[in-house]
Amino acid sequence: MLIVFNQMVSLFLLMLTGYLANRSGVIDKTFESKVSRFIVNISLPATILNAVTGSDMAHDREMLPIFVAAVSIFLVAHVICHFIQKTIRWNTTYELMLNYSNLGFMGIPIISTIYGGEYVLHVSIFMMTFNLSLFSYGVYLLSKDDAKNTAAAAVSEVQAAAPESSGSQKSSGFNVKRLLSPGILSAFLAIGIYLLDIRLPQHAVSLFSTIGVTTTPLAMIVIGSTLAGVKFSTVFTDKELYLFSFLKLLVLPMITFFVLRFFIKDRTLLEISTILSGCPIAGNVSMLCMEYNQDVTLVSKGICISTLLSMISIPIVSALVAIL
């Protein structure tokens, strides 16, 4: 499929730009951190809002099944991914990589090519649900791990400190306020704009569009920059990443298909849901992992190998759902 190949080339060229910029000293860790914060807190929320303000979205009862399908696919994915993560005893980062796919940069062009431009609306609604899930459940998982890491570090510091200072340490734990991030607030706002059919001023629409389009290139450049510190031999020789990619790109979408077929009667909607669940890892996962002190290197390697292998897997999944 030519569109898939073209998207893969675009992704890797952006990542290569970040990689070369890092290797030549143009980008450093400070840049990665600052840009990641910009993406998570500004450009990504703009992308979410642009999904409902940048196009004429239909507001009728036909949209309800799409929203139900979007919610269903994430509920099913949460259960499946959590089960896989616990069974194989992977860390939380693997669960996020399994759960969240690249819907925007990969999903939209693929679905529009296979099914037509009018189905971009479907992907936009899936993206709204995606962000609600990522910035609630995803942040919750990352926050728990971050709290554990912080607590472990605090214990080490206490043990190394003088006895009289041991009572001064405050306990660290999950903070509900961290769920109220710009990402999830913008997702709720987008849903409100969509349901109430609010028409924003053209200047606001243009602002969201202009800032939003920076998300994908910046995310891929940062991901490429993080790969500069990774030996590529470890990407392509890591057997666990191949197992992960097999589960992510082939097993998970097919399980999703067989489960959702009992709940989704619209055949096209079922096929779209399945294909979207089989897209490679979302770049947003890398940004959040950087924000919450998780294994960014693992995510970067996972994005690299899953994006490459998706050139084969997405056509396979597309063909399977068409004949089943």
C-alpha atoms as a PDB file:
ATOM      1  CA  MET A   1       0.000   0.000   0.000  1.00  0.00           C
ATOM      2  CA  LEU A   2       1.660   3.178  -1.267  1.00  0.00           C
ATOM      3  CA  ILE A   3       0.131   5.495   1.365  1.00  0.00           C
ATOM      4  CA  VAL A   4       1.565   3.363   4.187  1.00  0.00           C
ATOM      5  CA  PHE A   5       5.007   3.390   2.611  1.00  0.00           C
ATOM      6  CA  ASN A   6       4.897   7.162   2.133  1.00  0.00           C
ATOM      7  CA  GLN A   7       3.900   7.743   5.761  1.00  0.00           C
ATOM      8  CA  MET A   8       6.692   5.456   6.970  1.00  0.00           C
ATOM      9  CA  VAL A   9       9.243   7.359   4.906  1.00  0.00           C
ATOM     10  CA  SER A  10       7.978  10.693   6.288  1.00  0.00           C
ATOM     11  CA  LEU A  11       8.172   9.441   9.871  1.00  0.00           C
ATOM     12  CA  PHE A  12      11.686   8.079   9.502  1.00  0.00           C
ATOM     13  CA  LEU A  13      12.968  11.189   7.749  1.00  0.00           C
ATOM     14  CA  LEU A  14      11.728  13.309  10.676  1.00  0.00           C
ATOM     15  CA  MET A  15      13.305  10.921  13.156  1.00  0.00           C
ATOM     16  CA  LEU A  16      16.527  10.933  11.129  1.00  0.00           C
ATOM     17  CA  THR A  17      16.550  14.740  11.280  1.00  0.00           C
ATOM     18  CA  GLY A  18      16.376  14.628  15.076  1.00  0.00           C
ATOM     19  CA  TYR A  19      19.018  11.915  15.213  1.00  0.00           C
ATOM     20  CA  LEU A  20      21.479  13.837  13.037  1.00  0.00           C
ATOM     21  CA  ALA A  21      20.763  17.101  14.867  1.00  0.00           C
ATOM     22  CA  ASN A  22      21.634  15.439  18.164  1.00  0.00           C
ATOM     23  CA  ARG A  23      24.747  13.780  16.827  1.00  0.00           C
ATOM     24  CA  SER A  24      25.962  17.099  15.422  1.00  0.00           C
ATOM     25  CA  GLY A  25      25.347  18.914  18.707  1.00  0.00           C
ATOM     26  CA  VAL A  26      22.408  21.057  17.522  1.00  0.00           C
ATOM     27  CA  ILE A  27      20.015  19.265  19.925  1.00  0.00           C
ATOM     28  CA  ASP A  28      20.751  18.214  23.497  1.00  0.00           C
ATOM     29  CA  LYS A  29      18.861  16.782  26.476  1.00  0.00           C
ATOM     30  CA  THR A  30      17.664  20.232  27.537  1.00  0.00           C
ATOM     31  CA  PHE A  31      16.115  20.773  24.108  1.00  0.00           C
ATOM     32  CA  GLU A  32      14.417  17.363  24.261  1.00  0.00           C
ATOM     33  CA  SER A  33      12.943  18.118  27.681  1.00  0.00           C
ATOM     34  CA  LYS A  34      11.709  21.618  26.789  1.00  0.00           C
ATOM     35  CA  VAL A  35      10.189  20.603  23.469  1.00  0.00           C
ATOM     36  CA  SER A  36       8.507  17.592  25.072  1.00  0.00           C
ATOM     37  CA  ARG A  37       6.863  19.902  27.602  1.00  0.00           C
ATOM     38  CA  PHE A  38       5.760  22.188  24.768  1.00  0.00           C
ATOM     39  CA  ILE A  39       4.203  19.260  22.903  1.00  0.00           C
ATOM     40  CA  VAL A  40       2.392  17.801  25.911  1.00  0.00           C
ATOM     41  CA  ASN A  41       1.139  21.123  27.260  1.00  0.00           C
ATOM     42  CA  ILE A  42       0.576  23.279  24.158  1.00  0.00           C
ATOM     43  CA  SER A  43       0.793  21.732  20.693  1.00  0.00           C
ATOM     44  CA  LEU A  44      -0.995  18.477  21.535  1.00  0.00           C
ATOM     45  CA  PRO A  45      -3.989  20.268  23.135  1.00  0.00           C
ATOM     46  CA  ALA A  46      -4.100  22.463  20.026  1.00  0.00           C
ATOM     47  CA  THR A  47      -4.218  19.335  17.865  1.00  0.00           C
ATOM     48  CA  ILE A  48      -7.133  17.998  19.920  1.00  0.00           C
ATOM     49  CA  LEU A  49      -9.088  21.225  19.585  1.00  0.00           C
ATOM     50  CA  ASN A  50      -8.277  21.474  15.895  1.00  0.00           C
ATOM     51  CA  ALA A  51      -9.912  18.073  15.377  1.00  0.00           C
ATOM     52  CA  VAL A  52     -13.317  19.603  16.151  1.00  0.00           C
ATOM     53  CA  THR A  53     -12.812  23.202  14.998  1.00  0.00           C
ATOM     54  CA  GLY A  54     -10.833  22.694  11.823  1.00  0.00           C
ATOM     55  CA  SER A  55     -13.542  20.910   9.856  1.00  0.00           C
ATOM     56  CA  ASP A  56     -17.289  20.834   9.394  1.00  0.00           C
ATOM     57  CA  MET A  57     -18.222  17.885  11.582  1.00  0.00           C
ATOM     58  CA  ALA A  58     -21.692  16.405  11.287  1.00  0.00           C
ATOM     59  CA  HIS A  59     -23.842  16.674  14.367  1.00  0.00           C
ATOM     60  CA  ASP A  60     -26.487  14.003  14.172  1.00  0.00           C
ATOM     61  CA  ARG A  61     -27.372  10.636  15.617  1.00  0.00           C
ATOM     62  CA  GLU A  62     -25.037   8.839  13.217  1.00  0.00           C
ATOM     63  CA  MET A  63     -22.098  10.137  15.242  1.00  0.00           C
ATOM     64  CA  LEU A  64     -23.160   8.314  18.410  1.00  0.00           C
ATOM     65  CA  PRO A  65     -22.174   4.826  17.142  1.00  0.00           C
ATOM     66  CA  ILE A  66     -18.716   6.183  16.246  1.00  0.00           C
ATOM     67  CA  PHE A  67     -18.202   7.569  19.737  1.00  0.00           C
ATOM     68  CA  VAL A  68     -19.468   4.298  21.283  1.00  0.00           C
ATOM     69  CA  ALA A  69     -17.072   2.338  19.060  1.00  0.00           C
ATOM     70  CA  ALA A  70     -14.171   4.597  20.052  1.00  0.00           C
ATOM     71  CA  VAL A  71     -14.920   4.121  23.755  1.00  0.00           C
ATOM     72  CA  SER A  72     -15.375   0.363  23.270  1.00  0.00           C
ATOM     73  CA  ILE A  73     -12.068  -0.121  21.507  1.00  0.00           C
ATOM     74  CA  PHE A  74     -10.152   1.578  24.308  1.00  0.00           C
ATOM     75  CA  LEU A  75     -11.998  -0.355  27.017  1.00  0.00           C
ATOM     76  CA  VAL A  76     -11.228  -3.623  25.246  1.00  0.00           C
ATOM     77  CA  ALA A  77      -7.622  -2.560  24.653  1.00  0.00           C
ATOM     78  CA  HIS A  78      -7.152  -1.615  28.322  1.00  0.00           C
ATOM     79  CA  VAL A  79      -8.205  -5.078  29.457  1.00  0.00           C
ATOM     80  CA  ILE A  80      -6.201  -6.952  26.825  1.00  0.00           C
ATOM     81  CA  CYS A  81      -3.044  -4.864  27.222  1.00  0.00           C
ATOM     82  CA  HIS A  82      -3.139  -5.049  31.012  1.00  0.00           C
ATOM     83  CA  PHE A  83      -3.553  -8.837  30.818  1.00  0.00           C
ATOM     84  CA  ILE A  84      -0.619  -9.168  28.385  1.00  0.00           C
ATOM     85  CA  GLN A  85       1.573  -6.895  30.506  1.00  0.00           C
ATOM     86  CA  LYS A  86       0.863  -8.850  33.689  1.00  0.00           C
ATOM     87  CA  THR A  87       1.200 -12.242  31.997  1.00  0.00           C
ATOM     88  CA  ILE A  88       4.589 -11.504  30.435  1.00  0.00           C
ATOM     89  CA  ARG A  89       5.597  -9.407  33.465  1.00  0.00           C
ATOM     90  CA  TRP A  90       6.559  -6.378  31.456  1.00  0.00           C
ATOM     91  CA  ASN A  91       6.799  -2.972  33.081  1.00  0.00           C
ATOM     92  CA  THR A  92       4.117  -0.274  32.778  1.00  0.00           C
ATOM     93  CA  THR A  93       5.807   1.328  29.777  1.00  0.00           C
ATOM     94  CA  TYR A  94       5.038  -1.764  27.694  1.00  0.00           C
ATOM     95  CA  GLU A  95       1.349  -1.516  28.596  1.00  0.00           C
ATOM     96  CA  LEU A  96       1.230   2.068  27.350  1.00  0.00           C
ATOM     97  CA  MET A  97       3.058   1.150  24.151  1.00  0.00           C
ATOM     98  CA  LEU A  98       0.566  -1.659  23.536  1.00  0.00           C
ATOM     99  CA  ASN A  99      -2.442   0.492  24.325  1.00  0.00           C
ATOM    100  CA  TYR A 100      -1.833   3.706  22.397  1.00  0.00           C
ATOM    101  CA  SER A 101      -1.414   3.853  18.631  1.00  0.00           C
ATOM    102  CA  ASN A 102      -0.389   6.578  16.207  1.00  0.00           C
ATOM    103  CA  LEU A 103      -3.906   7.597  15.129  1.00  0.00           C
ATOM    104  CA  GLY A 104      -3.152  11.088  13.841  1.00  0.00           C
ATOM    105  CA  PHE A 105      -0.105  10.805  11.623  1.00  0.00           C
ATOM    106  CA  MET A 106      -0.704   7.193  10.584  1.00  0.00           C
ATOM    107  CA  GLY A 107      -4.422   6.570  11.134  1.00  0.00           C
ATOM    108  CA  ILE A 108      -5.900   9.526   9.258  1.00  0.00           C
ATOM    109  CA  PRO A 109      -4.076   9.091   5.897  1.00  0.00           C
ATOM    110  CA  ILE A 110      -4.476   5.305   5.945  1.00  0.00           C
ATOM    111  CA  ILE A 111      -8.215   5.356   6.702  1.00  0.00           C
ATOM    112  CA  SER A 112      -8.906   8.185   4.255  1.00  0.00           C
ATOM    113  CA  THR A 113      -7.096   6.277   1.507  1.00  0.00           C
ATOM    114  CA  ILE A 114      -8.801   2.932   2.144  1.00  0.00           C
ATOM    115  CA  TYR A 115     -12.307   4.164   2.927  1.00  0.00           C
ATOM    116  CA  GLY A 116     -12.462   7.753   1.656  1.00  0.00           C
ATOM    117  CA  GLY A 117     -11.926  11.256   3.001  1.00  0.00           C
ATOM    118  CA  GLU A 118     -15.332  11.385   4.686  1.00  0.00           C
ATOM    119  CA  TYR A 119     -14.127   8.825   7.227  1.00  0.00           C
ATOM    120  CA  VAL A 120     -11.503  11.200   8.625  1.00  0.00           C
ATOM    121  CA  LEU A 121     -14.310  12.305  10.949  1.00  0.00           C
ATOM    122  CA  HIS A 122     -14.301   8.811  12.457  1.00  0.00           C
ATOM    123  CA  VAL A 123     -10.583   9.047  13.207  1.00  0.00           C
ATOM    124  CA  SER A 124     -11.054  12.512  14.736  1.00  0.00           C
ATOM    125  CA  ILE A 125     -13.581  11.129  17.216  1.00  0.00           C
ATOM    126  CA  PHE A 126     -11.242   8.231  17.963  1.00  0.00           C
ATOM    127  CA  MET A 127      -8.480  10.773  18.599  1.00  0.00           C
ATOM    128  CA  MET A 128     -10.685  12.600  21.098  1.00  0.00           C
ATOM    129  CA  THR A 129     -11.294   9.354  22.977  1.00  0.00           C
ATOM    130  CA  PHE A 130      -7.612   8.440  22.635  1.00  0.00           C
ATOM    131  CA  ASN A 131      -6.544  11.623  24.377  1.00  0.00           C
ATOM    132  CA  LEU A 132      -9.118  11.244  27.131  1.00  0.00           C
ATOM    133  CA  SER A 133      -7.736   7.769  27.776  1.00  0.00           C
ATOM    134  CA  LEU A 134      -4.052   8.704  27.444  1.00  0.00           C
ATOM    135  CA  PHE A 135      -4.281  11.736  29.718  1.00  0.00           C
ATOM    136  CA  SER A 136      -6.347   9.925  32.349  1.00  0.00           C
ATOM    137  CA  TYR A 137      -5.550   6.208  32.493  1.00  0.00           C
ATOM    138  CA  GLY A 138      -2.151   6.647  30.835  1.00  0.00           C
ATOM    139  CA  VAL A 139      -1.101   9.466  33.154  1.00  0.00           C
ATOM    140  CA  TYR A 140      -2.421   7.464  36.104  1.00  0.00           C
ATOM    141  CA  LEU A 141      -0.167   4.509  35.232  1.00  0.00           C
ATOM    142  CA  LEU A 142       2.854   6.739  34.677  1.00  0.00           C
ATOM    143  CA  SER A 143       2.187   8.685  37.872  1.00  0.00           C
ATOM    144  CA  LYS A 144       2.054   5.482  39.918  1.00  0.00           C
ATOM    145  CA  ASP A 145       5.413   4.386  38.555  1.00  0.00           C
ATOM    146  CA  ASP A 146       6.846   7.867  38.990  1.00  0.00           C
ATOM    147  CA  ALA A 147       5.623   7.896  42.594  1.00  0.00           C
ATOM    148  CA  LYS A 148       7.238   4.501  43.219  1.00  0.00           C
ATOM    149  CA  ASN A 149      10.527   5.689  41.744  1.00  0.00           C
ATOM    150  CA  THR A 150      10.379   8.898  43.773  1.00  0.00           C
ATOM    151  CA  ALA A 151       9.576   6.984  46.951  1.00  0.00           C
ATOM    152  CA  ALA A 152      12.431   4.558  46.339  1.00  0.00           C
ATOM    153  CA  ALA A 153      14.827   7.441  45.771  1.00  0.00           C
ATOM    154  CA  ALA A 154      13.574   9.144  48.932  1.00  0.00           C
ATOM    155  CA  VAL A 155      14.139   5.980  50.957  1.00  0.00           C
ATOM    156  CA  SER A 156      17.691   5.761  49.659  1.00  0.00           C
ATOM    157  CA  GLU A 157      18.322   9.375  50.590  1.00  0.00           C
ATOM    158  CA  VAL A 158      16.875   8.853  54.046  1.00  0.00           C
ATOM    159  CA  GLN A 159      19.040   5.816  54.635  1.00  0.00           C
ATOM    160  CA  ALA A 160      22.095   7.766  53.592  1.00  0.00           C
ATOM    161  CA  ALA A 161      21.180  10.843  55.642  1.00  0.00           C
ATOM    162  CA  ALA A 162      21.693  11.519  59.319  1.00  0.00           C
ATOM    163  CA  PRO A 163      19.099   9.897  61.675  1.00  0.00           C
ATOM    164  CA  GLU A 164      17.693  13.225  62.856  1.00  0.00           C
ATOM    165  CA  SER A 165      16.740  14.205  59.309  1.00  0.00           C
ATOM    166  CA  SER A 166      14.748  11.049  58.610  1.00  0.00           C
ATOM    167  CA  GLY A 167      11.465  12.542  59.771  1.00  0.00           C
ATOM    168  CA  SER A 168      11.652  15.451  57.372  1.00  0.00           C
ATOM    169  CA  GLN A 169      10.896  13.379  54.276  1.00  0.00           C
ATOM    170  CA  LYS A 170       7.380  13.696  52.874  1.00  0.00           C
ATOM    171  CA  SER A 171       5.663  10.723  51.337  1.00  0.00           C
ATOM    172  CA  SER A 172       5.145  10.742  47.614  1.00  0.00           C
ATOM    173  CA  GLY A 173       2.071   9.371  45.920  1.00  0.00           C
ATOM    174  CA  PHE A 174      -0.296   9.732  43.025  1.00  0.00           C
ATOM    175  CA  ASN A 175      -1.780  13.205  42.762  1.00  0.00           C
ATOM    176  CA  VAL A 176      -5.228  13.446  41.176  1.00  0.00           C
ATOM    177  CA  LYS A 177      -4.414  17.013  40.091  1.00  0.00           C
ATOM    178  CA  ARG A 178      -1.881  15.574  37.644  1.00  0.00           C
ATOM    179  CA  LEU A 179      -4.814  14.144  35.673  1.00  0.00           C
ATOM    180  CA  LEU A 180      -6.074  17.685  35.077  1.00  0.00           C
ATOM    181  CA  SER A 181      -3.430  18.287  32.447  1.00  0.00           C
ATOM    182  CA  PRO A 182      -3.851  20.512  29.394  1.00  0.00           C
ATOM    183  CA  GLY A 183      -4.266  17.342  27.347  1.00  0.00           C
ATOM    184  CA  ILE A 184      -7.318  15.997  29.125  1.00  0.00           C
ATOM    185  CA  LEU A 185      -8.818  19.441  29.727  1.00  0.00           C
ATOM    186  CA  SER A 186      -8.579  20.189  26.019  1.00  0.00           C
ATOM    187  CA  ALA A 187     -10.152  16.799  25.227  1.00  0.00           C
ATOM    188  CA  PHE A 188     -13.151  17.616  27.445  1.00  0.00           C
ATOM    189  CA  LEU A 189     -13.356  21.066  25.864  1.00  0.00           C
ATOM    190  CA  ALA A 190     -13.255  19.522  22.394  1.00  0.00           C
ATOM    191  CA  ILE A 191     -16.120  17.185  23.266  1.00  0.00           C
ATOM    192  CA  GLY A 192     -18.119  20.139  24.585  1.00  0.00           C
ATOM    193  CA  ILE A 193     -17.466  22.121  21.396  1.00  0.00           C
ATOM    194  CA  TYR A 194     -18.500  19.113  19.322  1.00  0.00           C
ATOM    195  CA  LEU A 195     -21.691  18.272  21.222  1.00  0.00           C
ATOM    196  CA  LEU A 196     -22.861  21.889  21.478  1.00  0.00           C
ATOM    197  CA  ASP A 197     -21.885  22.642  17.869  1.00  0.00           C
ATOM    198  CA  ILE A 198     -19.960  25.745  18.955  1.00  0.00           C
ATOM    199  CA  ARG A 199     -18.409  27.806  16.167  1.00  0.00           C
ATOM    200  CA  LEU A 200     -15.222  29.496  17.303  1.00  0.00           C
ATOM    201  CA  PRO A 201     -13.795  32.669  15.719  1.00  0.00           C
ATOM    202  CA  GLN A 202     -11.677  32.033  12.635  1.00  0.00           C
ATOM    203  CA  HIS A 203      -8.589  33.411  14.381  1.00  0.00           C
ATOM    204  CA  ALA A 204      -8.926  30.748  17.107  1.00  0.00           C
ATOM    205  CA  VAL A 205      -9.423  27.998  14.516  1.00  0.00           C
ATOM    206  CA  SER A 206      -6.341  29.205  12.625  1.00  0.00           C
ATOM    207  CA  LEU A 207      -4.308  29.317  15.841  1.00  0.00           C
ATOM    208  CA  PHE A 208      -5.195  25.722  16.792  1.00  0.00           C
ATOM    209  CA  SER A 209      -4.423  24.546  13.270  1.00  0.00           C
ATOM    210  CA  THR A 210      -1.094  26.358  13.034  1.00  0.00           C
ATOM    211  CA  ILE A 211       0.165  25.174  16.421  1.00  0.00           C
ATOM    212  CA  GLY A 212      -1.350  21.710  16.076  1.00  0.00           C
ATOM    213  CA  VAL A 213       0.525  20.846  12.900  1.00  0.00           C
ATOM    214  CA  THR A 214       3.816  21.188  14.789  1.00  0.00           C
ATOM    215  CA  THR A 215       3.006  18.216  17.030  1.00  0.00           C
ATOM    216  CA  THR A 216       3.983  15.385  14.703  1.00  0.00           C
ATOM    217  CA  PRO A 217       7.251  16.836  13.323  1.00  0.00           C
ATOM    218  CA  LEU A 218       8.418  18.004  16.748  1.00  0.00           C
ATOM    219  CA  ALA A 219       7.520  14.670  18.360  1.00  0.00           C
ATOM    220  CA  MET A 220       9.343  12.671  15.690  1.00  0.00           C
ATOM    221  CA  ILE A 221      12.394  14.957  15.866  1.00  0.00           C
ATOM    222  CA  VAL A 222      12.580  14.535  19.646  1.00  0.00           C
ATOM    223  CA  ILE A 223      12.166  10.771  19.290  1.00  0.00           C
ATOM    224  CA  GLY A 224      14.979  10.725  16.728  1.00  0.00           C
ATOM    225  CA  SER A 225      17.130  12.782  19.067  1.00  0.00           C
ATOM    226  CA  THR A 226      16.624  10.303  21.909  1.00  0.00           C
ATOM    227  CA  LEU A 227      17.681   7.516  19.545  1.00  0.00           C
ATOM    228  CA  ALA A 228      21.061   9.212  19.133  1.00  0.00           C
ATOM    229  CA  GLY A 229      22.015   7.741  22.483  1.00  0.00           C
ATOM    230  CA  VAL A 230      20.868   4.260  21.491  1.00  0.00           C
ATOM    231  CA  LYS A 231      22.913   1.683  19.613  1.00  0.00           C
ATOM    232  CA  PHE A 232      20.839   0.638  16.618  1.00  0.00           C
ATOM    233  CA  SER A 233      22.120  -2.876  17.056  1.00  0.00           C
ATOM    234  CA  THR A 234      20.087  -2.994  20.280  1.00  0.00           C
ATOM    235  CA  VAL A 235      16.918  -1.991  18.384  1.00  0.00           C
ATOM    236  CA  PHE A 236      17.052  -4.758  15.811  1.00  0.00           C
ATOM    237  CA  THR A 237      18.548  -7.455  18.022  1.00  0.00           C
ATOM    238  CA  ASP A 238      16.125  -7.051  20.941  1.00  0.00           C
ATOM    239  CA  LYS A 239      13.970 -10.190  20.675  1.00  0.00           C
ATOM    240  CA  GLU A 240      11.507  -8.825  23.206  1.00  0.00           C
ATOM    241  CA  LEU A 241      10.709  -5.892  20.911  1.00  0.00           C
ATOM    242  CA  TYR A 242       9.873  -8.318  18.112  1.00  0.00           C
ATOM    243  CA  LEU A 243       7.515 -10.196  20.441  1.00  0.00           C
ATOM    244  CA  PHE A 244       5.998  -6.896  21.502  1.00  0.00           C
ATOM    245  CA  SER A 245       5.578  -5.759  17.885  1.00  0.00           C
ATOM    246  CA  PHE A 246       3.909  -9.050  16.939  1.00  0.00           C
ATOM    247  CA  LEU A 247       1.410  -8.626  19.780  1.00  0.00           C
ATOM    248  CA  LYS A 248       0.906  -4.919  19.112  1.00  0.00           C
ATOM    249  CA  LEU A 249       0.593  -4.960  15.327  1.00  0.00           C
ATOM    250  CA  LEU A 250      -1.118  -8.292  14.635  1.00  0.00           C
ATOM    251  CA  VAL A 251      -2.487 -10.048  17.708  1.00  0.00           C
ATOM    252  CA  LEU A 252      -4.079  -7.043  19.427  1.00  0.00           C
ATOM    253  CA  PRO A 253      -6.004  -5.748  16.365  1.00  0.00           C
ATOM    254  CA  MET A 254      -7.333  -9.211  15.545  1.00  0.00           C
ATOM    255  CA  ILE A 255      -8.489  -9.790  19.141  1.00  0.00           C
ATOM    256  CA  THR A 256     -10.103  -6.357  18.971  1.00  0.00           C
ATOM    257  CA  PHE A 257     -11.883  -7.349  15.758  1.00  0.00           C
ATOM    258  CA  PHE A 258     -13.309 -10.595  17.147  1.00  0.00           C
ATOM    259  CA  VAL A 259     -14.448  -8.936  20.380  1.00  0.00           C
ATOM    260  CA  LEU A 260     -15.974  -5.804  18.853  1.00  0.00           C
ATOM    261  CA  ARG A 261     -17.836  -7.680  16.118  1.00  0.00           C
ATOM    262  CA  PHE A 262     -20.369  -8.695  18.777  1.00  0.00           C
ATOM    263  CA  PHE A 263     -21.043  -5.044  19.670  1.00  0.00           C
ATOM    264  CA  ILE A 264     -20.470  -3.066  16.456  1.00  0.00           C
ATOM    265  CA  LYS A 265     -22.898  -3.896  13.653  1.00  0.00           C
ATOM    266  CA  ASP A 266     -21.588  -1.328  11.159  1.00  0.00           C
ATOM    267  CA  ARG A 267     -19.050  -3.299   9.123  1.00  0.00           C
ATOM    268  CA  THR A 268     -17.023  -0.279   7.975  1.00  0.00           C
ATOM    269  CA  LEU A 269     -16.821   1.091  11.499  1.00  0.00           C
ATOM    270  CA  LEU A 270     -15.639  -2.311  12.754  1.00  0.00           C
ATOM    271  CA  GLU A 271     -12.899  -2.473  10.116  1.00  0.00           C
ATOM    272  CA  ILE A 272     -11.746   1.091  10.860  1.00  0.00           C
ATOM    273  CA  SER A 273     -11.624   0.341  14.605  1.00  0.00           C
ATOM    274  CA  THR A 274      -9.495  -2.745  13.972  1.00  0.00           C
ATOM    275  CA  ILE A 275      -7.019  -1.049  11.638  1.00  0.00           C
ATOM    276  CA  LEU A 276      -6.561   1.894  13.999  1.00  0.00           C
ATOM    277  CA  SER A 277      -5.792  -0.467  16.893  1.00  0.00           C
ATOM    278  CA  GLY A 278      -3.000  -1.997  14.790  1.00  0.00           C
ATOM    279  CA  CYS A 279      -1.137   1.253  14.069  1.00  0.00           C
ATOM    280  CA  PRO A 280       2.399   1.632  15.513  1.00  0.00           C
ATOM    281  CA  ILE A 281       3.112   3.238  18.886  1.00  0.00           C
ATOM    282  CA  ALA A 282       1.997   6.842  19.301  1.00  0.00           C
ATOM    283  CA  GLY A 283       4.741   9.431  19.634  1.00  0.00           C
ATOM    284  CA  ASN A 284       2.750  10.970  22.497  1.00  0.00           C
ATOM    285  CA  VAL A 285       3.718   7.990  24.669  1.00  0.00           C
ATOM    286  CA  SER A 286       7.364   8.984  24.353  1.00  0.00           C
ATOM    287  CA  MET A 287       6.559  12.576  25.303  1.00  0.00           C
ATOM    288  CA  LEU A 288       4.626  11.533  28.410  1.00  0.00           C
ATOM    289  CA  CYS A 289       7.273   9.013  29.448  1.00  0.00           C
ATOM    290  CA  MET A 290       9.861  11.779  29.265  1.00  0.00           C
ATOM    291  CA  GLU A 291       7.560  13.987  31.350  1.00  0.00           C
ATOM    292  CA  TYR A 292       7.124  11.282  34.024  1.00  0.00           C
ATOM    293  CA  ASN A 293      10.706   9.951  34.127  1.00  0.00           C
ATOM    294  CA  GLN A 294       9.988   6.623  32.455  1.00  0.00           C
ATOM    295  CA  ASP A 295      12.030   4.561  29.982  1.00  0.00           C
ATOM    296  CA  VAL A 296      12.061   6.905  26.957  1.00  0.00           C
ATOM    297  CA  THR A 297      14.775   4.861  25.253  1.00  0.00           C
ATOM    298  CA  LEU A 298      12.566   1.761  25.292  1.00  0.00           C
ATOM    299  CA  VAL A 299       9.650   3.728  23.821  1.00  0.00           C
ATOM    300  CA  SER A 300      11.864   5.251  21.120  1.00  0.00           C
ATOM    301  CA  LYS A 301      13.137   1.830  20.116  1.00  0.00           C
ATOM    302  CA  GLY A 302       9.583   0.481  20.186  1.00  0.00           C
ATOM    303  CA  ILE A 303       8.346   3.315  17.938  1.00  0.00           C
ATOM    304  CA  CYS A 304      11.213   2.709  15.529  1.00  0.00           C
ATOM    305  CA  ILE A 305      10.696  -1.044  15.136  1.00  0.00           C
ATOM    306  CA  SER A 306       6.864  -0.962  15.258  1.00  0.00           C
ATOM    307  CA  THR A 307       6.707   1.788  12.625  1.00  0.00           C
ATOM    308  CA  LEU A 308       9.004  -0.171  10.322  1.00  0.00           C
ATOM    309  CA  LEU A 309       7.129  -3.451  10.771  1.00  0.00           C
ATOM    310  CA  SER A 310       3.751  -1.738  10.348  1.00  0.00           C
ATOM    311  CA  MET A 311       4.606  -1.370   6.647  1.00  0.00           C
ATOM    312  CA  ILE A 312       3.917  -5.108   6.498  1.00  0.00           C
ATOM    313  CA  SER A 313       1.372  -5.579   9.279  1.00  0.00           C
ATOM    314  CA  ILE A 314      -1.163  -2.864   8.345  1.00  0.00           C
ATOM    315  CA  PRO A 315      -1.773  -4.262   4.847  1.00  0.00           C
ATOM    316  CA  ILE A 316      -2.105  -7.736   6.403  1.00  0.00           C
ATOM    317  CA  VAL A 317      -4.634  -6.557   9.017  1.00  0.00           C
ATOM    318  CA  SER A 318      -6.523  -4.579   6.376  1.00  0.00           C
ATOM    319  CA  ALA A 319      -6.757  -7.653   4.146  1.00  0.00           C
ATOM    320  CA  LEU A 320      -7.815  -9.942   7.007  1.00  0.00           C
ATOM    321  CA  VAL A 321     -10.645  -7.718   8.241  1.00  0.00           C
ATOM    322  CA  ALA A 322     -11.880  -7.362   4.660  1.00  0.00           C
ATOM    323  CA  ILE A 323     -12.316 -11.117   4.199  1.00  0.00           C
ATOM    324  CA  LEU A 324     -13.373 -12.223   7.702  1.00  0.00           C
END
